Full PDB file with SEQRES, HELIX, SHEET, SSBOND, CRYST1, ORIGX, SCALE, CONECT and MASTER records, all heavy atoms in Angstrom:
SEQRES   1 A   35  ILE GLN GLN ILE ASP ALA ILE SER ASP SER PHE ILE TYR          
SEQRES   2 A   35  MET VAL SER SER ALA ALA VAL THR GLY SER GLN SER GLY          
SEQRES   3 A   35  PHE GLY GLU GLU GLN ILE ASN TYR PHE                          
HELIX    1 AA1 GLN A    2  ILE A    7  1                                   6    
HELIX    2 AA2 GLU A   29  TYR A   34  1                                   6    
CRYST1    1.000    1.000    1.000  90.00  90.00  90.00 P 1           1          
ORIGX1      1.000000  0.000000  0.000000        0.00000                         
ORIGX2      0.000000  1.000000  0.000000        0.00000                         
ORIGX3      0.000000  0.000000  1.000000        0.00000                         
SCALE1      1.000000  0.000000  0.000000        0.00000                         
SCALE2      0.000000  1.000000  0.000000        0.00000                         
SCALE3      0.000000  0.000000  1.000000        0.00000                         
ATOM      1  N   ILE A   1      -4.348   1.346 -10.960  1.00  0.00           N  
ATOM      2  CA  ILE A   1      -2.923   1.414 -10.577  1.00  0.00           C  
ATOM      3  C   ILE A   1      -2.067   1.764 -11.771  1.00  0.00           C  
ATOM      4  O   ILE A   1      -1.142   2.598 -11.706  1.00  0.00           O  
ATOM      5  CB  ILE A   1      -2.466   0.116  -9.864  1.00  0.00           C  
ATOM      6  CG1 ILE A   1      -3.182  -0.041  -8.536  1.00  0.00           C  
ATOM      7  CG2 ILE A   1      -0.940   0.067  -9.720  1.00  0.00           C  
ATOM      8  CD1 ILE A   1      -3.023  -1.419  -7.897  1.00  0.00           C  
ATOM      9  N   GLN A   2      -2.324   1.104 -12.872  1.00  0.00           N  
ATOM     10  CA  GLN A   2      -1.575   1.371 -14.109  1.00  0.00           C  
ATOM     11  C   GLN A   2      -1.817   2.789 -14.636  1.00  0.00           C  
ATOM     12  O   GLN A   2      -0.895   3.460 -15.128  1.00  0.00           O  
ATOM     13  CB  GLN A   2      -1.897   0.323 -15.152  1.00  0.00           C  
ATOM     14  CG  GLN A   2      -1.305  -1.025 -14.754  1.00  0.00           C  
ATOM     15  CD  GLN A   2      -1.782  -2.167 -15.648  1.00  0.00           C  
ATOM     16  OE1 GLN A   2      -2.868  -2.164 -16.202  1.00  0.00           O  
ATOM     17  NE2 GLN A   2      -0.950  -3.206 -15.723  1.00  0.00           N  
ATOM     18  N   GLN A   3      -3.038   3.303 -14.474  1.00  0.00           N  
ATOM     19  CA  GLN A   3      -3.326   4.685 -14.841  1.00  0.00           C  
ATOM     20  C   GLN A   3      -2.563   5.673 -13.959  1.00  0.00           C  
ATOM     21  O   GLN A   3      -1.979   6.625 -14.467  1.00  0.00           O  
ATOM     22  CB  GLN A   3      -4.826   4.982 -14.717  1.00  0.00           C  
ATOM     23  CG  GLN A   3      -5.679   4.295 -15.777  1.00  0.00           C  
ATOM     24  CD  GLN A   3      -7.171   4.418 -15.467  1.00  0.00           C  
ATOM     25  OE1 GLN A   3      -7.561   4.717 -14.356  1.00  0.00           O  
ATOM     26  NE2 GLN A   3      -7.976   4.231 -16.490  1.00  0.00           N  
ATOM     27  N   ILE A   4      -2.533   5.365 -12.700  1.00  0.00           N  
ATOM     28  CA  ILE A   4      -1.752   6.211 -11.732  1.00  0.00           C  
ATOM     29  C   ILE A   4      -0.284   6.202 -12.074  1.00  0.00           C  
ATOM     30  O   ILE A   4       0.385   7.214 -12.135  1.00  0.00           O  
ATOM     31  CB  ILE A   4      -2.037   5.773 -10.272  1.00  0.00           C  
ATOM     32  CG1 ILE A   4      -3.457   6.189  -9.851  1.00  0.00           C  
ATOM     33  CG2 ILE A   4      -0.980   6.308  -9.322  1.00  0.00           C  
ATOM     34  CD1 ILE A   4      -3.917   5.575  -8.536  1.00  0.00           C  
ATOM     35  N   ASP A   5       0.232   5.011 -12.336  1.00  0.00           N  
ATOM     36  CA  ASP A   5       1.641   4.857 -12.713  1.00  0.00           C  
ATOM     37  C   ASP A   5       1.933   5.642 -13.995  1.00  0.00           C  
ATOM     38  O   ASP A   5       2.995   6.301 -14.059  1.00  0.00           O  
ATOM     39  CB  ASP A   5       1.976   3.397 -12.888  1.00  0.00           C  
ATOM     40  CG  ASP A   5       3.482   3.161 -12.978  1.00  0.00           C  
ATOM     41  OD1 ASP A   5       4.265   3.713 -12.227  1.00  0.00           O  
ATOM     42  OD2 ASP A   5       3.866   2.414 -13.930  1.00  0.00           O  
ATOM     43  N   ALA A   6       1.070   5.615 -14.959  1.00  0.00           N  
ATOM     44  CA  ALA A   6       1.336   6.279 -16.229  1.00  0.00           C  
ATOM     45  C   ALA A   6       1.365   7.810 -16.068  1.00  0.00           C  
ATOM     46  O   ALA A   6       2.171   8.466 -16.718  1.00  0.00           O  
ATOM     47  CB  ALA A   6       0.232   5.915 -17.258  1.00  0.00           C  
ATOM     48  N   ILE A   7       0.567   8.364 -15.183  1.00  0.00           N  
ATOM     49  CA  ILE A   7       0.481   9.814 -15.047  1.00  0.00           C  
ATOM     50  C   ILE A   7       1.452  10.343 -13.986  1.00  0.00           C  
ATOM     51  O   ILE A   7       1.758  11.539 -13.926  1.00  0.00           O  
ATOM     52  CB  ILE A   7      -0.968  10.277 -14.736  1.00  0.00           C  
ATOM     53  CG1 ILE A   7      -1.100  11.754 -15.003  1.00  0.00           C  
ATOM     54  CG2 ILE A   7      -1.357   9.921 -13.303  1.00  0.00           C  
ATOM     55  CD1 ILE A   7      -2.547  12.228 -14.979  1.00  0.00           C  
ATOM     56  N   SER A   8       1.973   9.477 -13.140  1.00  0.00           N  
ATOM     57  CA  SER A   8       2.856   9.884 -12.046  1.00  0.00           C  
ATOM     58  C   SER A   8       4.324  10.055 -12.500  1.00  0.00           C  
ATOM     59  O   SER A   8       4.744   9.440 -13.463  1.00  0.00           O  
ATOM     60  CB  SER A   8       2.814   8.849 -10.911  1.00  0.00           C  
ATOM     61  OG  SER A   8       1.531   8.799 -10.342  1.00  0.00           O  
ATOM     62  N   ASP A   9       5.015  10.930 -11.757  1.00  0.00           N  
ATOM     63  CA  ASP A   9       6.444  11.102 -12.007  1.00  0.00           C  
ATOM     64  C   ASP A   9       7.158  11.234 -10.650  1.00  0.00           C  
ATOM     65  O   ASP A   9       8.106  11.962 -10.520  1.00  0.00           O  
ATOM     66  CB  ASP A   9       6.706  12.263 -12.892  1.00  0.00           C  
ATOM     67  CG  ASP A   9       6.254  13.613 -12.322  1.00  0.00           C  
ATOM     68  OD1 ASP A   9       5.579  13.600 -11.264  1.00  0.00           O  
ATOM     69  OD2 ASP A   9       6.527  14.652 -12.934  1.00  0.00           O  
ATOM     70  N   SER A  10       6.676  10.476  -9.678  1.00  0.00           N  
ATOM     71  CA  SER A  10       7.232  10.513  -8.347  1.00  0.00           C  
ATOM     72  C   SER A  10       7.204   9.118  -7.818  1.00  0.00           C  
ATOM     73  O   SER A  10       7.746   8.211  -8.415  1.00  0.00           O  
ATOM     74  CB  SER A  10       6.459  11.508  -7.480  1.00  0.00           C  
ATOM     75  OG  SER A  10       6.979  11.572  -6.190  1.00  0.00           O  
ATOM     76  N   PHE A  11       6.601   8.945  -6.688  1.00  0.00           N  
ATOM     77  CA  PHE A  11       6.359   7.572  -6.136  1.00  0.00           C  
ATOM     78  C   PHE A  11       4.889   7.375  -5.920  1.00  0.00           C  
ATOM     79  O   PHE A  11       4.095   8.341  -5.905  1.00  0.00           O  
ATOM     80  CB  PHE A  11       7.128   7.351  -4.825  1.00  0.00           C  
ATOM     81  CG  PHE A  11       6.720   8.172  -3.645  1.00  0.00           C  
ATOM     82  CD1 PHE A  11       5.721   7.696  -2.774  1.00  0.00           C  
ATOM     83  CD2 PHE A  11       7.249   9.405  -3.361  1.00  0.00           C  
ATOM     84  CE1 PHE A  11       5.314   8.423  -1.686  1.00  0.00           C  
ATOM     85  CE2 PHE A  11       6.881  10.132  -2.242  1.00  0.00           C  
ATOM     86  CZ  PHE A  11       5.856   9.665  -1.419  1.00  0.00           C  
ATOM     87  N   ILE A  12       4.502   6.131  -5.742  1.00  0.00           N  
ATOM     88  CA  ILE A  12       3.112   5.784  -5.462  1.00  0.00           C  
ATOM     89  C   ILE A  12       3.053   5.346  -3.989  1.00  0.00           C  
ATOM     90  O   ILE A  12       3.817   4.527  -3.534  1.00  0.00           O  
ATOM     91  CB  ILE A  12       2.649   4.647  -6.396  1.00  0.00           C  
ATOM     92  CG1 ILE A  12       2.669   5.116  -7.829  1.00  0.00           C  
ATOM     93  CG2 ILE A  12       1.254   4.175  -5.974  1.00  0.00           C  
ATOM     94  CD1 ILE A  12       2.392   3.992  -8.868  1.00  0.00           C  
ATOM     95  N   TYR A  13       2.143   5.999  -3.272  1.00  0.00           N  
ATOM     96  CA  TYR A  13       1.974   5.675  -1.851  1.00  0.00           C  
ATOM     97  C   TYR A  13       1.048   4.511  -1.722  1.00  0.00           C  
ATOM     98  O   TYR A  13      -0.136   4.584  -2.047  1.00  0.00           O  
ATOM     99  CB  TYR A  13       1.358   6.907  -1.170  1.00  0.00           C  
ATOM    100  CG  TYR A  13       1.338   6.909   0.358  1.00  0.00           C  
ATOM    101  CD1 TYR A  13       1.849   7.936   1.078  1.00  0.00           C  
ATOM    102  CD2 TYR A  13       0.737   5.865   1.046  1.00  0.00           C  
ATOM    103  CE1 TYR A  13       1.784   7.941   2.463  1.00  0.00           C  
ATOM    104  CE2 TYR A  13       0.671   5.848   2.406  1.00  0.00           C  
ATOM    105  CZ  TYR A  13       1.203   6.902   3.138  1.00  0.00           C  
ATOM    106  OH  TYR A  13       1.139   6.892   4.526  1.00  0.00           O  
ATOM    107  N   MET A  14       1.572   3.387  -1.244  1.00  0.00           N  
ATOM    108  CA  MET A  14       0.794   2.172  -1.019  1.00  0.00           C  
ATOM    109  C   MET A  14       0.208   2.160   0.380  1.00  0.00           C  
ATOM    110  O   MET A  14       0.985   1.959   1.333  1.00  0.00           O  
ATOM    111  CB  MET A  14       1.633   0.932  -1.251  1.00  0.00           C  
ATOM    112  CG  MET A  14       1.996   0.636  -2.646  1.00  0.00           C  
ATOM    113  SD  MET A  14       2.987  -0.875  -2.831  1.00  0.00           S  
ATOM    114  CE  MET A  14       1.846  -2.117  -2.154  1.00  0.00           C  
ATOM    115  N   VAL A  15      -1.050   2.410   0.518  1.00  0.00           N  
ATOM    116  CA  VAL A  15      -1.681   2.267   1.833  1.00  0.00           C  
ATOM    117  C   VAL A  15      -1.737   0.769   2.150  1.00  0.00           C  
ATOM    118  O   VAL A  15      -2.297  -0.002   1.364  1.00  0.00           O  
ATOM    119  CB  VAL A  15      -3.083   2.893   1.823  1.00  0.00           C  
ATOM    120  CG1 VAL A  15      -3.792   2.686   3.142  1.00  0.00           C  
ATOM    121  CG2 VAL A  15      -3.008   4.380   1.457  1.00  0.00           C  
ATOM    122  N   SER A  16      -1.153   0.382   3.241  1.00  0.00           N  
ATOM    123  CA  SER A  16      -1.032  -1.061   3.511  1.00  0.00           C  
ATOM    124  C   SER A  16      -2.348  -1.742   3.834  1.00  0.00           C  
ATOM    125  O   SER A  16      -2.540  -2.898   3.560  1.00  0.00           O  
ATOM    126  CB  SER A  16      -0.034  -1.327   4.645  1.00  0.00           C  
ATOM    127  OG  SER A  16      -0.579  -0.776   5.869  1.00  0.00           O  
ATOM    128  N   SER A  17      -3.256  -0.996   4.432  1.00  0.00           N  
ATOM    129  CA  SER A  17      -4.546  -1.571   4.805  1.00  0.00           C  
ATOM    130  C   SER A  17      -5.496  -0.464   5.247  1.00  0.00           C  
ATOM    131  O   SER A  17      -5.119   0.713   5.253  1.00  0.00           O  
ATOM    132  CB  SER A  17      -4.370  -2.544   6.001  1.00  0.00           C  
ATOM    133  OG  SER A  17      -4.082  -1.807   7.183  1.00  0.00           O  
ATOM    134  N   ALA A  18      -6.689  -0.834   5.660  1.00  0.00           N  
ATOM    135  CA  ALA A  18      -7.677   0.156   6.106  1.00  0.00           C  
ATOM    136  C   ALA A  18      -7.441   0.473   7.593  1.00  0.00           C  
ATOM    137  O   ALA A  18      -8.170   1.261   8.170  1.00  0.00           O  
ATOM    138  CB  ALA A  18      -9.082  -0.369   5.911  1.00  0.00           C  
ATOM    139  N   ALA A  19      -6.449  -0.145   8.222  1.00  0.00           N  
ATOM    140  CA  ALA A  19      -6.185   0.104   9.629  1.00  0.00           C  
ATOM    141  C   ALA A  19      -5.638   1.506   9.867  1.00  0.00           C  
ATOM    142  O   ALA A  19      -5.143   2.158   8.953  1.00  0.00           O  
ATOM    143  CB  ALA A  19      -5.192  -0.922  10.170  1.00  0.00           C  
ATOM    144  N   VAL A  20      -5.706   1.940  11.116  1.00  0.00           N  
ATOM    145  CA  VAL A  20      -5.147   3.244  11.489  1.00  0.00           C  
ATOM    146  C   VAL A  20      -3.642   3.144  11.409  1.00  0.00           C  
ATOM    147  O   VAL A  20      -3.042   2.123  11.761  1.00  0.00           O  
ATOM    148  CB  VAL A  20      -5.599   3.606  12.886  1.00  0.00           C  
ATOM    149  CG1 VAL A  20      -4.952   4.921  13.379  1.00  0.00           C  
ATOM    150  CG2 VAL A  20      -7.122   3.715  12.947  1.00  0.00           C  
ATOM    151  N   THR A  21      -2.992   4.181  10.960  1.00  0.00           N  
ATOM    152  CA  THR A  21      -1.540   4.186  10.814  1.00  0.00           C  
ATOM    153  C   THR A  21      -0.815   3.873  12.124  1.00  0.00           C  
ATOM    154  O   THR A  21      -1.177   4.372  13.157  1.00  0.00           O  
ATOM    155  CB  THR A  21      -1.050   5.558  10.238  1.00  0.00           C  
ATOM    156  OG1 THR A  21       0.375   5.478  10.137  1.00  0.00           O  
ATOM    157  CG2 THR A  21      -1.421   6.734  11.092  1.00  0.00           C  
ATOM    158  N   GLY A  22       0.149   2.929  12.045  1.00  0.00           N  
ATOM    159  CA  GLY A  22       0.950   2.592  13.212  1.00  0.00           C  
ATOM    160  C   GLY A  22       0.296   1.697  14.212  1.00  0.00           C  
ATOM    161  O   GLY A  22       0.864   1.432  15.258  1.00  0.00           O  
ATOM    162  N   SER A  23      -0.870   1.152  13.960  1.00  0.00           N  
ATOM    163  CA  SER A  23      -1.621   0.456  14.997  1.00  0.00           C  
ATOM    164  C   SER A  23      -1.412  -1.032  15.044  1.00  0.00           C  
ATOM    165  O   SER A  23      -1.750  -1.639  16.048  1.00  0.00           O  
ATOM    166  CB  SER A  23      -3.115   0.755  14.841  1.00  0.00           C  
ATOM    167  OG  SER A  23      -3.620   0.179  13.658  1.00  0.00           O  
ATOM    168  N   GLN A  24      -0.980  -1.651  14.001  1.00  0.00           N  
ATOM    169  CA  GLN A  24      -0.926  -3.072  13.983  1.00  0.00           C  
ATOM    170  C   GLN A  24       0.435  -3.646  14.447  1.00  0.00           C  
ATOM    171  O   GLN A  24       1.367  -2.894  14.658  1.00  0.00           O  
ATOM    172  CB  GLN A  24      -1.247  -3.623  12.584  1.00  0.00           C  
ATOM    173  CG  GLN A  24      -0.350  -3.056  11.503  1.00  0.00           C  
ATOM    174  CD  GLN A  24      -1.085  -2.887  10.231  1.00  0.00           C  
ATOM    175  OE1 GLN A  24      -1.849  -1.993  10.023  1.00  0.00           O  
ATOM    176  NE2 GLN A  24      -0.812  -3.789   9.282  1.00  0.00           N  
ATOM    177  N   SER A  25       0.506  -4.937  14.609  1.00  0.00           N  
ATOM    178  CA  SER A  25       1.760  -5.523  15.132  1.00  0.00           C  
ATOM    179  C   SER A  25       2.394  -6.415  14.100  1.00  0.00           C  
ATOM    180  O   SER A  25       2.775  -7.534  14.403  1.00  0.00           O  
ATOM    181  CB  SER A  25       1.426  -6.296  16.416  1.00  0.00           C  
ATOM    182  OG  SER A  25       0.588  -7.385  16.111  1.00  0.00           O  
ATOM    183  N   GLY A  26       2.557  -5.970  12.897  1.00  0.00           N  
ATOM    184  CA  GLY A  26       3.097  -6.753  11.850  1.00  0.00           C  
ATOM    185  C   GLY A  26       2.059  -6.984  10.733  1.00  0.00           C  
ATOM    186  O   GLY A  26       0.870  -6.852  10.983  1.00  0.00           O  
ATOM    187  N   PHE A  27       2.542  -7.250   9.563  1.00  0.00           N  
ATOM    188  CA  PHE A  27       1.680  -7.444   8.438  1.00  0.00           C  
ATOM    189  C   PHE A  27       1.284  -8.898   8.300  1.00  0.00           C  
ATOM    190  O   PHE A  27       2.096  -9.784   8.476  1.00  0.00           O  
ATOM    191  CB  PHE A  27       2.281  -6.951   7.165  1.00  0.00           C  
ATOM    192  CG  PHE A  27       2.491  -5.455   7.173  1.00  0.00           C  
ATOM    193  CD1 PHE A  27       3.773  -4.898   7.129  1.00  0.00           C  
ATOM    194  CD2 PHE A  27       1.405  -4.555   7.184  1.00  0.00           C  
ATOM    195  CE1 PHE A  27       3.976  -3.518   7.131  1.00  0.00           C  
ATOM    196  CE2 PHE A  27       1.603  -3.201   7.171  1.00  0.00           C  
ATOM    197  CZ  PHE A  27       2.881  -2.701   7.164  1.00  0.00           C  
ATOM    198  N   GLY A  28       0.041  -9.111   7.921  1.00  0.00           N  
ATOM    199  CA  GLY A  28      -0.437 -10.501   7.731  1.00  0.00           C  
ATOM    200  C   GLY A  28      -0.237 -10.946   6.287  1.00  0.00           C  
ATOM    201  O   GLY A  28       0.272 -10.216   5.430  1.00  0.00           O  
ATOM    202  N   GLU A  29      -0.621 -12.153   6.043  1.00  0.00           N  
ATOM    203  CA  GLU A  29      -0.447 -12.785   4.713  1.00  0.00           C  
ATOM    204  C   GLU A  29      -1.131 -11.976   3.630  1.00  0.00           C  
ATOM    205  O   GLU A  29      -0.589 -11.810   2.524  1.00  0.00           O  
ATOM    206  CB  GLU A  29      -0.979 -14.206   4.731  1.00  0.00           C  
ATOM    207  CG  GLU A  29      -0.723 -14.993   3.469  1.00  0.00           C  
ATOM    208  CD  GLU A  29      -1.233 -16.426   3.548  1.00  0.00           C  
ATOM    209  OE1 GLU A  29      -1.378 -16.955   4.667  1.00  0.00           O  
ATOM    210  OE2 GLU A  29      -1.443 -16.982   2.447  1.00  0.00           O  
ATOM    211  N   GLU A  30      -2.325 -11.447   3.907  1.00  0.00           N  
ATOM    212  CA  GLU A  30      -3.066 -10.666   2.904  1.00  0.00           C  
ATOM    213  C   GLU A  30      -2.256  -9.434   2.496  1.00  0.00           C  
ATOM    214  O   GLU A  30      -2.178  -9.119   1.282  1.00  0.00           O  
ATOM    215  CB  GLU A  30      -4.441 -10.269   3.479  1.00  0.00           C  
ATOM    216  CG  GLU A  30      -5.287  -9.505   2.494  1.00  0.00           C  
ATOM    217  CD  GLU A  30      -6.653  -9.180   3.079  1.00  0.00           C  
ATOM    218  OE1 GLU A  30      -7.167  -9.907   3.973  1.00  0.00           O  
ATOM    219  OE2 GLU A  30      -7.218  -8.164   2.655  1.00  0.00           O  
ATOM    220  N   GLN A  31      -1.680  -8.748   3.437  1.00  0.00           N  
ATOM    221  CA  GLN A  31      -0.907  -7.561   3.092  1.00  0.00           C  
ATOM    222  C   GLN A  31       0.402  -7.897   2.387  1.00  0.00           C  
ATOM    223  O   GLN A  31       0.775  -7.227   1.426  1.00  0.00           O  
ATOM    224  CB  GLN A  31      -0.617  -6.746   4.396  1.00  0.00           C  
ATOM    225  CG  GLN A  31      -1.875  -6.095   4.903  1.00  0.00           C  
ATOM    226  CD  GLN A  31      -1.798  -5.841   6.380  1.00  0.00           C  
ATOM    227  OE1 GLN A  31      -1.332  -6.683   7.132  1.00  0.00           O  
ATOM    228  NE2 GLN A  31      -2.329  -4.694   6.799  1.00  0.00           N  
ATOM    229  N   ILE A  32       1.051  -8.941   2.817  1.00  0.00           N  
ATOM    230  CA  ILE A  32       2.298  -9.386   2.124  1.00  0.00           C  
ATOM    231  C   ILE A  32       2.019  -9.758   0.677  1.00  0.00           C  
ATOM    232  O   ILE A  32       2.747  -9.405  -0.250  1.00  0.00           O  
ATOM    233  CB  ILE A  32       2.951 -10.543   2.875  1.00  0.00           C  
ATOM    234  CG1 ILE A  32       3.303 -10.147   4.320  1.00  0.00           C  
ATOM    235  CG2 ILE A  32       4.192 -11.058   2.143  1.00  0.00           C  
ATOM    236  CD1 ILE A  32       4.322  -9.070   4.468  1.00  0.00           C  
ATOM    237  N   ASN A  33       0.861 -10.456   0.473  1.00  0.00           N  
ATOM    238  CA  ASN A  33       0.459 -10.788  -0.880  1.00  0.00           C  
ATOM    239  C   ASN A  33       0.201  -9.545  -1.734  1.00  0.00           C  
ATOM    240  O   ASN A  33       0.506  -9.504  -2.925  1.00  0.00           O  
ATOM    241  CB  ASN A  33      -0.742 -11.697  -0.889  1.00  0.00           C  
ATOM    242  CG  ASN A  33      -0.409 -13.110  -0.433  1.00  0.00           C  
ATOM    243  OD1 ASN A  33       0.745 -13.552  -0.452  1.00  0.00           O  
ATOM    244  ND2 ASN A  33      -1.412 -13.827   0.067  1.00  0.00           N  
ATOM    245  N   TYR A  34      -0.396  -8.533  -1.102  1.00  0.00           N  
ATOM    246  CA  TYR A  34      -0.633  -7.245  -1.786  1.00  0.00           C  
ATOM    247  C   TYR A  34       0.700  -6.594  -2.168  1.00  0.00           C  
ATOM    248  O   TYR A  34       0.856  -6.151  -3.325  1.00  0.00           O  
ATOM    249  CB  TYR A  34      -1.512  -6.363  -0.858  1.00  0.00           C  
ATOM    250  CG  TYR A  34      -1.501  -4.904  -1.129  1.00  0.00           C  
ATOM    251  CD1 TYR A  34      -1.959  -4.383  -2.320  1.00  0.00           C  
ATOM    252  CD2 TYR A  34      -1.139  -3.969  -0.170  1.00  0.00           C  
ATOM    253  CE1 TYR A  34      -2.007  -3.004  -2.581  1.00  0.00           C  
ATOM    254  CE2 TYR A  34      -1.188  -2.613  -0.367  1.00  0.00           C  
ATOM    255  CZ  TYR A  34      -1.650  -2.135  -1.578  1.00  0.00           C  
ATOM    256  OH  TYR A  34      -1.697  -0.791  -1.814  1.00  0.00           O  
ATOM    257  N   PHE A  35       1.641  -6.567  -1.243  1.00  0.00           N  
ATOM    258  CA  PHE A  35       2.947  -5.985  -1.582  1.00  0.00           C  
ATOM    259  C   PHE A  35       3.600  -6.696  -2.748  1.00  0.00           C  
ATOM    260  O   PHE A  35       4.119  -6.082  -3.685  1.00  0.00           O  
ATOM    261  CB  PHE A  35       3.889  -6.090  -0.375  1.00  0.00           C  
ATOM    262  CG  PHE A  35       3.434  -5.355   0.878  1.00  0.00           C  
ATOM    263  CD1 PHE A  35       3.963  -5.694   2.089  1.00  0.00           C  
ATOM    264  CD2 PHE A  35       2.485  -4.342   0.804  1.00  0.00           C  
ATOM    265  CE1 PHE A  35       3.535  -5.034   3.251  1.00  0.00           C  
ATOM    266  CE2 PHE A  35       2.092  -3.660   1.971  1.00  0.00           C  
ATOM    267  CZ  PHE A  35       2.614  -4.023   3.189  1.00  0.00           C  
TER     268      PHE A  35                                                      
MASTER        0    0    0    2    0    0    0    6  267    1    0    3          
END                                                                             
């Protein structure tokens, strides 16, 4: 993550989980902790 941040000059896309996009009904504790 730090290597990506050092080389980037835009934004970093945080994939919230391995789930399919738009499929879940809210984020769980694990994802909130990741954020």
